[in-house]
Amino acid sequence: MQNAQKMKRELKNNFSKKAFYKKSLMRTIFFIIAIFCSLTIFSCKKDDGISCTSCSSPNTSDFQVCEERDGNASVGGQNTDTSFAVYIAGLEAAGATCGN
């Protein structure tokens, strides 16, 4: 009879340990997934940098045209208040060559 009670206690202890480890594992997995999702969301924010392209023309020395955050072109740090695509198209129509 004592052996049966002893076995019941051991089974109960083993079950409790397994349940504890299972909860710990699930909690760990949850936190890893939460951290991964947070990093993914914050890393997908809009790129704050500006992009520039070099242009050359027979009439001028090489220069850079940059696309600002608002989509406008800037030359020499001065915003042209013209869309980047329209500005580049105008330069190329005037004989300039633009590219990276």
Protein backbone atom coordinates (compact mmCIF):
# COMPACT_ATOMS: atom_id res chain seq x y z
CA MET A 1 0.00 0.00 0.00
CA GLN A 2 2.82 2.39 0.81
CA ASN A 3 4.40 1.65 -2.54
CA ALA A 4 1.20 2.66 -4.32
CA GLN A 5 1.00 5.93 -2.39
CA LYS A 6 4.67 6.58 -3.03
CA MET A 7 4.16 5.99 -6.77
CA LYS A 8 1.15 8.36 -6.78
CA ARG A 9 3.24 11.09 -5.13
CA GLU A 10 6.07 10.57 -7.62
CA LEU A 11 3.66 10.70 -10.57
CA LYS A 12 2.05 13.84 -9.16
CA ASN A 13 5.46 15.48 -8.68
CA ASN A 14 6.57 14.49 -12.18
CA PHE A 15 3.32 15.81 -13.66
CA SER A 16 3.73 19.10 -11.78
CA LYS A 17 7.32 19.44 -13.00
CA LYS A 18 6.29 18.73 -16.60
CA ALA A 19 3.46 21.26 -16.38
CA PHE A 20 5.85 23.83 -14.92
CA TYR A 21 8.43 23.28 -17.67
CA LYS A 22 5.73 23.37 -20.34
CA LYS A 23 4.44 26.72 -19.00
CA SER A 24 7.97 28.08 -18.87
CA LEU A 25 8.65 26.97 -22.43
CA MET A 26 5.41 28.49 -23.70
CA ARG A 27 6.14 31.75 -21.88
CA THR A 28 9.64 31.87 -23.36
CA ILE A 29 8.35 31.21 -26.86
CA PHE A 30 5.70 33.92 -26.42
CA PHE A 31 8.30 36.50 -25.37
CA ILE A 32 10.61 35.57 -28.25
CA ILE A 33 7.76 35.97 -30.73
CA ALA A 34 6.71 39.28 -29.13
CA ILE A 35 10.25 40.65 -29.35
CA PHE A 36 10.61 39.50 -32.96
CA CYS A 37 7.30 41.14 -33.94
CA SER A 38 8.25 44.39 -32.20
CA LEU A 39 11.59 44.54 -33.95
CA THR A 40 9.94 43.81 -37.29
CA ILE A 41 7.38 46.59 -36.86
CA PHE A 42 9.92 49.19 -35.77
CA SER A 43 12.41 48.27 -38.50
CA CYS A 44 9.76 48.75 -41.21
CA LYS A 45 9.35 52.47 -40.60
CA LYS A 46 9.85 54.76 -43.56
CA ASP A 47 13.47 55.42 -44.45
CA ASP A 48 14.28 58.96 -43.37
CA GLY A 49 17.26 59.34 -45.68
CA ILE A 50 17.34 61.19 -48.95
CA SER A 51 18.60 59.66 -52.16
CA CYS A 52 20.80 61.45 -54.67
CA THR A 53 21.80 60.88 -58.25
CA SER A 54 24.69 62.38 -60.18
CA CYS A 55 24.05 64.38 -63.32
CA SER A 56 26.36 65.81 -65.94
CA SER A 57 25.82 68.21 -68.75
CA PRO A 58 28.02 69.57 -71.54
CA ASN A 59 27.30 73.09 -70.22
CA THR A 60 27.98 72.49 -66.50
CA SER A 61 30.24 70.51 -64.21
CA ASP A 62 28.87 67.35 -62.60
CA PHE A 63 26.27 67.94 -59.90
CA GLN A 64 23.93 65.97 -57.69
CA VAL A 65 20.15 66.07 -57.65
CA CYS A 66 18.59 64.66 -54.49
CA GLU A 67 15.07 63.46 -53.80
CA GLU A 68 13.90 64.94 -50.53
CA ARG A 69 11.49 63.27 -48.09
CA ASP A 70 8.59 65.22 -49.60
CA GLY A 71 9.35 63.88 -53.12
CA ASN A 72 10.78 67.15 -54.43
CA ALA A 73 14.18 67.54 -56.05
CA SER A 74 16.95 69.55 -54.44
CA VAL A 75 20.20 70.77 -55.95
CA GLY A 76 23.02 72.02 -53.76
CA GLY A 77 20.79 71.66 -50.70
CA GLN A 78 18.13 73.99 -52.16
CA ASN A 79 14.63 72.57 -52.58
CA THR A 80 13.39 73.20 -56.13
CA ASP A 81 9.69 72.74 -55.22
CA THR A 82 9.50 70.44 -58.26
CA SER A 83 8.85 66.73 -58.22
CA PHE A 84 12.07 64.70 -58.46
CA ALA A 85 10.86 62.72 -61.50
CA VAL A 86 9.73 65.88 -63.32
CA TYR A 87 13.00 67.66 -62.53
CA ILE A 88 15.15 64.75 -63.78
CA ALA A 89 13.02 64.45 -66.93
CA GLY A 90 13.50 68.18 -67.56
CA LEU A 91 17.27 67.92 -67.12
CA GLU A 92 17.48 64.96 -69.49
CA ALA A 93 15.30 66.78 -72.04
CA ALA A 94 17.76 69.69 -71.84
CA GLY A 95 20.69 67.35 -72.63
CA ALA A 96 21.91 66.33 -69.17
CA THR A 97 22.72 62.74 -68.33
CA CYS A 98 21.61 61.53 -64.88
CA GLY A 99 22.24 58.23 -63.17
CA ASN A 100 23.80 56.73 -60.06
